[in-house]
Amino acid sequence: MPFTCPKCDRELTSESQRHYCARVSLDDLFKGKPDELLLLFDKLLAEVADWPDVLVGTTPNCITFVHRQTFFVIRPMQKVLDLKFYSATQLTEPPVLKSTATAGRFENHIRLSHTSELRPQLFNWIRGSYELL
């Protein structure tokens, strides 16, 4: 059962979970960013937030998706969304920009700027990250 931090209202997996404790709204994260990035985020959120036991939180720099552990992070930048997720094997094919070994798995980064860049493979990778952690 999720725990809600009384100071920042962020949903956490447990009362003892460490987190950045600050109230941050999605509007703040997307302030001054192209409308297309918010639309892109909404499409990602609509897919991932419905998976069982997913908690969505905001920090001053990103949106986190947690299922037992953080499995997906979206960081709004000036003109792109930086997506971070994990995999059991290294991903080298585009659109993966970087795949780095860390703690027995690989941390992968993709940057998207338009909804037309969304592909089923991306959602498969994110789902794999959800199931891995």
N, C-alpha and C. Protein backbone atom coordinates (compact mmCIF):
# COMPACT_ATOMS: atom_id res chain seq x y z
N MET A 1 0.85 -1.17 0.00
CA MET A 1 0.00 0.00 0.00
C MET A 1 0.90 1.24 0.00
N PRO A 2 0.65 2.18 -0.88
CA PRO A 2 1.50 3.38 -0.96
C PRO A 2 1.38 4.25 0.30
N PHE A 3 2.44 4.97 0.54
CA PHE A 3 2.50 5.93 1.64
C PHE A 3 2.59 7.32 1.01
N THR A 4 1.84 8.28 1.53
CA THR A 4 1.91 9.65 1.04
C THR A 4 2.68 10.50 2.04
N CYS A 5 3.75 11.13 1.56
CA CYS A 5 4.56 12.00 2.42
C CYS A 5 3.71 13.20 2.84
N PRO A 6 3.61 13.47 4.14
CA PRO A 6 2.78 14.59 4.60
C PRO A 6 3.36 15.96 4.24
N LYS A 7 4.65 16.03 3.96
CA LYS A 7 5.28 17.31 3.65
C LYS A 7 5.15 17.70 2.18
N CYS A 8 5.30 16.71 1.27
CA CYS A 8 5.29 17.04 -0.16
C CYS A 8 4.15 16.38 -0.93
N ASP A 9 3.36 15.55 -0.27
CA ASP A 9 2.23 14.84 -0.89
C ASP A 9 2.65 13.86 -1.98
N ARG A 10 3.91 13.46 -1.99
CA ARG A 10 4.38 12.51 -2.98
C ARG A 10 4.05 11.10 -2.51
N GLU A 11 3.54 10.27 -3.44
CA GLU A 11 3.25 8.88 -3.11
C GLU A 11 4.54 8.08 -3.16
N LEU A 12 4.76 7.28 -2.13
CA LEU A 12 5.97 6.47 -2.01
C LEU A 12 5.57 5.02 -1.76
N THR A 13 6.51 4.12 -2.00
CA THR A 13 6.20 2.70 -1.78
C THR A 13 6.14 2.34 -0.31
N SER A 14 6.86 3.10 0.55
CA SER A 14 6.82 2.86 1.98
C SER A 14 7.17 4.14 2.74
N GLU A 15 6.88 4.16 4.02
CA GLU A 15 7.16 5.33 4.84
C GLU A 15 8.65 5.61 4.96
N SER A 16 9.48 4.58 4.85
CA SER A 16 10.93 4.75 5.00
C SER A 16 11.65 5.05 3.67
N GLN A 17 10.93 5.11 2.57
CA GLN A 17 11.56 5.35 1.27
C GLN A 17 12.19 6.74 1.23
N ARG A 18 13.44 6.81 0.79
CA ARG A 18 14.11 8.10 0.63
C ARG A 18 13.58 8.78 -0.63
N HIS A 19 13.46 10.10 -0.55
CA HIS A 19 12.99 10.85 -1.71
C HIS A 19 13.36 12.31 -1.57
N TYR A 20 13.31 13.04 -2.67
CA TYR A 20 13.52 14.48 -2.65
C TYR A 20 12.20 15.08 -2.22
N CYS A 21 12.19 15.67 -1.04
CA CYS A 21 10.93 16.14 -0.44
C CYS A 21 10.71 17.62 -0.79
N ALA A 22 9.97 17.85 -1.85
CA ALA A 22 9.62 19.21 -2.27
C ALA A 22 8.35 19.13 -3.10
N ARG A 23 7.51 20.12 -2.95
CA ARG A 23 6.29 20.18 -3.77
C ARG A 23 6.65 20.75 -5.14
N VAL A 24 6.43 19.96 -6.16
CA VAL A 24 6.73 20.37 -7.53
C VAL A 24 5.53 19.97 -8.39
N SER A 25 5.03 20.89 -9.16
CA SER A 25 3.89 20.56 -10.03
C SER A 25 4.39 20.27 -11.44
N LEU A 26 3.59 19.51 -12.17
CA LEU A 26 3.91 19.24 -13.58
C LEU A 26 3.97 20.53 -14.37
N ASP A 27 3.09 21.46 -14.04
CA ASP A 27 3.10 22.75 -14.74
C ASP A 27 4.45 23.44 -14.61
N ASP A 28 5.06 23.36 -13.42
CA ASP A 28 6.37 23.96 -13.22
C ASP A 28 7.44 23.30 -14.10
N LEU A 29 7.37 21.99 -14.22
CA LEU A 29 8.36 21.26 -15.02
C LEU A 29 8.24 21.58 -16.51
N PHE A 30 7.03 21.91 -16.97
CA PHE A 30 6.82 22.17 -18.39
C PHE A 30 6.69 23.65 -18.72
N LYS A 31 6.90 24.50 -17.74
CA LYS A 31 6.81 25.94 -17.95
C LYS A 31 7.89 26.38 -18.95
N GLY A 32 7.45 27.09 -20.01
CA GLY A 32 8.38 27.60 -21.01
C GLY A 32 8.82 26.56 -22.03
N LYS A 33 8.28 25.35 -21.94
CA LYS A 33 8.64 24.28 -22.87
C LYS A 33 7.60 24.23 -24.00
N PRO A 34 7.97 23.70 -25.16
CA PRO A 34 7.00 23.58 -26.26
C PRO A 34 5.79 22.73 -25.86
N ASP A 35 4.60 23.11 -26.35
CA ASP A 35 3.38 22.35 -26.07
C ASP A 35 3.50 20.90 -26.51
N GLU A 36 4.27 20.64 -27.55
CA GLU A 36 4.44 19.28 -28.06
C GLU A 36 5.07 18.37 -27.01
N LEU A 37 5.94 18.92 -26.15
CA LEU A 37 6.56 18.09 -25.10
C LEU A 37 5.52 17.66 -24.07
N LEU A 38 4.59 18.54 -23.75
CA LEU A 38 3.53 18.17 -22.80
C LEU A 38 2.62 17.11 -23.42
N LEU A 39 2.31 17.24 -24.68
CA LEU A 39 1.50 16.23 -25.37
C LEU A 39 2.23 14.89 -25.40
N LEU A 40 3.52 14.92 -25.68
CA LEU A 40 4.34 13.71 -25.68
C LEU A 40 4.34 13.07 -24.29
N PHE A 41 4.54 13.88 -23.26
CA PHE A 41 4.49 13.38 -21.89
C PHE A 41 3.13 12.74 -21.59
N ASP A 42 2.06 13.40 -21.98
CA ASP A 42 0.71 12.89 -21.72
C ASP A 42 0.51 11.50 -22.34
N LYS A 43 1.04 11.30 -23.52
CA LYS A 43 0.91 9.99 -24.19
C LYS A 43 1.71 8.91 -23.44
N LEU A 44 2.90 9.26 -22.97
CA LEU A 44 3.70 8.32 -22.19
C LEU A 44 3.00 8.02 -20.86
N LEU A 45 2.52 9.06 -20.20
CA LEU A 45 1.83 8.89 -18.92
C LEU A 45 0.59 8.01 -19.07
N ALA A 46 -0.19 8.24 -20.12
CA ALA A 46 -1.42 7.47 -20.33
C ALA A 46 -1.13 5.97 -20.46
N GLU A 47 -0.01 5.64 -21.05
CA GLU A 47 0.36 4.23 -21.21
C GLU A 47 0.87 3.63 -19.91
N VAL A 48 1.81 4.29 -19.27
CA VAL A 48 2.54 3.71 -18.15
C VAL A 48 1.80 3.81 -16.82
N ALA A 49 1.07 4.86 -16.58
CA ALA A 49 0.42 5.06 -15.29
C ALA A 49 -0.65 4.02 -14.99
N ASP A 50 -1.17 3.35 -16.00
CA ASP A 50 -2.21 2.34 -15.80
C ASP A 50 -1.67 0.96 -15.43
N TRP A 51 -0.36 0.79 -15.49
CA TRP A 51 0.21 -0.51 -15.13
C TRP A 51 0.04 -0.72 -13.63
N PRO A 52 -0.09 -1.97 -13.18
CA PRO A 52 -0.33 -2.23 -11.76
C PRO A 52 0.76 -1.67 -10.84
N ASP A 53 0.34 -1.07 -9.76
CA ASP A 53 1.22 -0.59 -8.69
C ASP A 53 2.28 0.41 -9.14
N VAL A 54 1.94 1.27 -10.08
CA VAL A 54 2.87 2.32 -10.51
C VAL A 54 2.54 3.61 -9.77
N LEU A 55 3.57 4.19 -9.16
CA LEU A 55 3.44 5.48 -8.50
C LEU A 55 4.17 6.51 -9.33
N VAL A 56 3.54 7.64 -9.56
CA VAL A 56 4.14 8.72 -10.35
C VAL A 56 4.42 9.88 -9.41
N GLY A 57 5.67 10.37 -9.47
CA GLY A 57 6.05 11.48 -8.61
C GLY A 57 6.83 12.53 -9.38
N THR A 58 6.89 13.73 -8.83
CA THR A 58 7.65 14.80 -9.46
C THR A 58 8.76 15.27 -8.53
N THR A 59 9.87 15.63 -9.11
CA THR A 59 10.98 16.24 -8.40
C THR A 59 11.25 17.57 -9.11
N PRO A 60 12.17 18.38 -8.64
CA PRO A 60 12.43 19.66 -9.31
C PRO A 60 12.92 19.52 -10.76
N ASN A 61 13.40 18.33 -11.16
CA ASN A 61 13.94 18.16 -12.50
C ASN A 61 13.26 17.11 -13.35
N CYS A 62 12.45 16.24 -12.76
CA CYS A 62 11.93 15.12 -13.54
C CYS A 62 10.66 14.54 -12.95
N ILE A 63 10.09 13.61 -13.71
CA ILE A 63 8.92 12.84 -13.29
C ILE A 63 9.40 11.40 -13.15
N THR A 64 9.12 10.79 -12.01
CA THR A 64 9.56 9.42 -11.76
C THR A 64 8.38 8.46 -11.76
N PHE A 65 8.63 7.26 -12.22
CA PHE A 65 7.65 6.19 -12.23
C PHE A 65 8.26 5.05 -11.42
N VAL A 66 7.54 4.65 -10.37
CA VAL A 66 8.09 3.67 -9.43
C VAL A 66 7.17 2.45 -9.35
N HIS A 67 7.79 1.28 -9.39
CA HIS A 67 7.14 0.00 -9.13
C HIS A 67 8.19 -0.83 -8.40
N ARG A 68 8.09 -0.89 -7.09
CA ARG A 68 9.14 -1.44 -6.23
C ARG A 68 10.38 -0.55 -6.24
N GLN A 69 10.88 -0.17 -7.41
CA GLN A 69 11.99 0.77 -7.57
C GLN A 69 11.63 1.70 -8.73
N THR A 70 12.41 2.77 -8.88
CA THR A 70 12.20 3.66 -10.02
C THR A 70 12.59 2.90 -11.29
N PHE A 71 11.65 2.77 -12.22
CA PHE A 71 11.92 2.04 -13.45
C PHE A 71 11.91 2.94 -14.69
N PHE A 72 11.41 4.17 -14.54
CA PHE A 72 11.29 5.06 -15.69
C PHE A 72 11.33 6.50 -15.18
N VAL A 73 12.12 7.33 -15.87
CA VAL A 73 12.25 8.73 -15.49
C VAL A 73 12.11 9.58 -16.76
N ILE A 74 11.31 10.63 -16.68
CA ILE A 74 11.17 11.57 -17.78
C ILE A 74 11.68 12.93 -17.31
N ARG A 75 12.67 13.45 -18.02
CA ARG A 75 13.23 14.75 -17.66
C ARG A 75 12.94 15.74 -18.79
N PRO A 76 12.04 16.70 -18.55
CA PRO A 76 11.77 17.72 -19.57
C PRO A 76 12.98 18.65 -19.72
N MET A 77 13.46 18.77 -20.94
CA MET A 77 14.56 19.68 -21.24
C MET A 77 13.99 20.80 -22.11
N GLN A 78 14.83 21.68 -22.63
CA GLN A 78 14.32 22.82 -23.41
C GLN A 78 13.49 22.40 -24.61
N LYS A 79 14.00 21.44 -25.40
CA LYS A 79 13.30 21.07 -26.64
C LYS A 79 13.01 19.59 -26.76
N VAL A 80 13.40 18.79 -25.76
CA VAL A 80 13.21 17.35 -25.80
C VAL A 80 12.83 16.81 -24.43
N LEU A 81 12.30 15.60 -24.43
CA LEU A 81 12.14 14.84 -23.19
C LEU A 81 13.24 13.80 -23.16
N ASP A 82 14.00 13.76 -22.08
CA ASP A 82 15.00 12.73 -21.89
C ASP A 82 14.34 11.60 -21.12
N LEU A 83 14.30 10.41 -21.72
CA LEU A 83 13.66 9.25 -21.11
C LEU A 83 14.74 8.31 -20.62
N LYS A 84 14.65 7.89 -19.36
CA LYS A 84 15.61 6.93 -18.81
C LYS A 84 14.84 5.71 -18.33
N PHE A 85 15.35 4.54 -18.70
CA PHE A 85 14.75 3.28 -18.28
C PHE A 85 15.86 2.24 -18.23
N TYR A 86 15.56 1.06 -17.72
CA TYR A 86 16.57 0.02 -17.50
C TYR A 86 16.29 -1.22 -18.34
N SER A 87 17.35 -1.99 -18.60
CA SER A 87 17.22 -3.24 -19.33
C SER A 87 18.24 -4.24 -18.82
N ALA A 88 17.98 -5.52 -19.07
CA ALA A 88 18.91 -6.58 -18.66
C ALA A 88 20.10 -6.65 -19.59
N THR A 89 19.91 -6.23 -20.84
CA THR A 89 21.00 -6.26 -21.83
C THR A 89 21.22 -4.86 -22.38
N GLN A 90 22.39 -4.65 -22.94
CA GLN A 90 22.70 -3.34 -23.51
C GLN A 90 21.90 -3.11 -24.79
N LEU A 91 21.32 -1.93 -24.90
CA LEU A 91 20.57 -1.54 -26.09
C LEU A 91 21.44 -0.60 -26.90
N THR A 92 21.65 -0.92 -28.17
CA THR A 92 22.55 -0.10 -28.99
C THR A 92 21.87 0.50 -30.21
N GLU A 93 20.67 0.02 -30.55
CA GLU A 93 20.02 0.52 -31.75
C GLU A 93 19.32 1.85 -31.50
N PRO A 94 19.25 2.70 -32.54
CA PRO A 94 18.52 3.95 -32.41
C PRO A 94 17.06 3.66 -32.07
N PRO A 95 16.45 4.48 -31.29
CA PRO A 95 16.83 5.82 -30.88
C PRO A 95 17.62 5.90 -29.56
N VAL A 96 18.13 4.77 -29.06
CA VAL A 96 18.89 4.79 -27.81
C VAL A 96 20.17 5.60 -28.01
N LEU A 97 20.33 6.63 -27.18
CA LEU A 97 21.52 7.49 -27.25
C LEU A 97 22.66 6.93 -26.43
N LYS A 98 22.31 6.35 -25.28
CA LYS A 98 23.32 5.89 -24.35
C LYS A 98 22.78 4.69 -23.59
N SER A 99 23.61 3.67 -23.41
CA SER A 99 23.26 2.49 -22.62
C SER A 99 24.47 2.15 -21.77
N THR A 100 24.35 2.40 -20.46
CA THR A 100 25.48 2.28 -19.54
C THR A 100 25.23 1.20 -18.51
N ALA A 101 26.22 0.33 -18.30
CA ALA A 101 26.11 -0.71 -17.28
C ALA A 101 26.13 -0.08 -15.90
N THR A 102 25.17 -0.49 -15.07
CA THR A 102 25.10 -0.01 -13.69
C THR A 102 24.34 -1.01 -12.84
N ALA A 103 24.95 -1.45 -11.75
CA ALA A 103 24.31 -2.34 -10.77
C ALA A 103 23.68 -3.58 -11.40
N GLY A 104 24.38 -4.24 -12.30
CA GLY A 104 23.89 -5.48 -12.89
C GLY A 104 22.83 -5.32 -13.95
N ARG A 105 22.64 -4.12 -14.42
CA ARG A 105 21.67 -3.85 -15.49
C ARG A 105 22.19 -2.69 -16.33
N PHE A 106 21.42 -2.28 -17.31
CA PHE A 106 21.83 -1.18 -18.18
C PHE A 106 20.85 -0.02 -18.05
N GLU A 107 21.40 1.17 -17.89
CA GLU A 107 20.61 2.40 -17.85
C GLU A 107 20.62 2.97 -19.26
N ASN A 108 19.44 3.18 -19.82
CA ASN A 108 19.30 3.62 -21.21
C ASN A 108 18.65 4.99 -21.27
N HIS A 109 19.10 5.78 -22.25
CA HIS A 109 18.54 7.13 -22.46
C HIS A 109 18.09 7.29 -23.91
N ILE A 110 16.93 7.88 -24.05
CA ILE A 110 16.36 8.23 -25.36
C ILE A 110 15.86 9.66 -25.24
N ARG A 111 16.00 10.44 -26.29
CA ARG A 111 15.46 11.80 -26.30
C ARG A 111 14.45 11.93 -27.44
N LEU A 112 13.26 12.42 -27.08
CA LEU A 112 12.18 12.60 -28.04
C LEU A 112 11.68 14.04 -27.99
N SER A 113 11.25 14.53 -29.16
CA SER A 113 10.72 15.89 -29.20
C SER A 113 9.32 15.97 -29.80
N HIS A 114 8.84 14.86 -30.35
CA HIS A 114 7.54 14.90 -31.03
C HIS A 114 6.82 13.57 -30.86
N THR A 115 5.50 13.61 -30.79
CA THR A 115 4.72 12.40 -30.61
C THR A 115 4.90 11.41 -31.76
N SER A 116 5.26 11.90 -32.93
CA SER A 116 5.45 11.00 -34.08
C SER A 116 6.65 10.07 -33.87
N GLU A 117 7.49 10.37 -32.89
CA GLU A 117 8.66 9.53 -32.61
C GLU A 117 8.33 8.34 -31.71
N LEU A 118 7.12 8.30 -31.15
CA LEU A 118 6.73 7.18 -30.29
C LEU A 118 6.55 5.92 -31.13
N ARG A 119 7.14 4.85 -30.67
CA ARG A 119 7.07 3.56 -31.37
C ARG A 119 6.70 2.47 -30.36
N PRO A 120 6.05 1.40 -30.82
CA PRO A 120 5.74 0.29 -29.91
C PRO A 120 6.98 -0.27 -29.21
N GLN A 121 8.12 -0.28 -29.89
CA GLN A 121 9.35 -0.81 -29.28
C GLN A 121 9.71 -0.04 -28.01
N LEU A 122 9.51 1.27 -28.02
CA LEU A 122 9.81 2.08 -26.84
C LEU A 122 8.97 1.62 -25.65
N PHE A 123 7.68 1.42 -25.87
CA PHE A 123 6.81 0.97 -24.79
C PHE A 123 7.19 -0.44 -24.33
N ASN A 124 7.66 -1.28 -25.24
CA ASN A 124 8.15 -2.61 -24.85
C ASN A 124 9.37 -2.49 -23.95
N TRP A 125 10.30 -1.59 -24.28
CA TRP A 125 11.49 -1.38 -23.45
C TRP A 125 11.11 -0.86 -22.07
N ILE A 126 10.18 0.09 -22.02
CA ILE A 126 9.76 0.64 -20.73
C ILE A 126 9.06 -0.44 -19.90
N ARG A 127 8.25 -1.26 -20.55
CA ARG A 127 7.58 -2.36 -19.84
C ARG A 127 8.62 -3.36 -19.33
N GLY A 128 9.65 -3.59 -20.12
CA GLY A 128 10.74 -4.47 -19.68
C GLY A 128 11.43 -3.92 -18.44
N SER A 129 11.60 -2.61 -18.38
CA SER A 129 12.20 -1.96 -17.21
C SER A 129 11.29 -2.14 -15.99
N TYR A 130 10.00 -1.98 -16.18
CA TYR A 130 9.01 -2.17 -15.13
C TYR A 130 9.09 -3.58 -14.57
N GLU A 131 9.20 -4.56 -15.47
CA GLU A 131 9.24 -5.97 -15.04
C GLU A 131 10.60 -6.36 -14.46
N LEU A 132 11.66 -5.70 -14.90
CA LEU A 132 13.02 -5.98 -14.43
C LEU A 132 13.21 -5.58 -12.98
N LEU A 133 12.65 -4.44 -12.62
CA LEU A 133 12.85 -3.91 -11.27
C LEU A 133 11.67 -4.29 -10.42
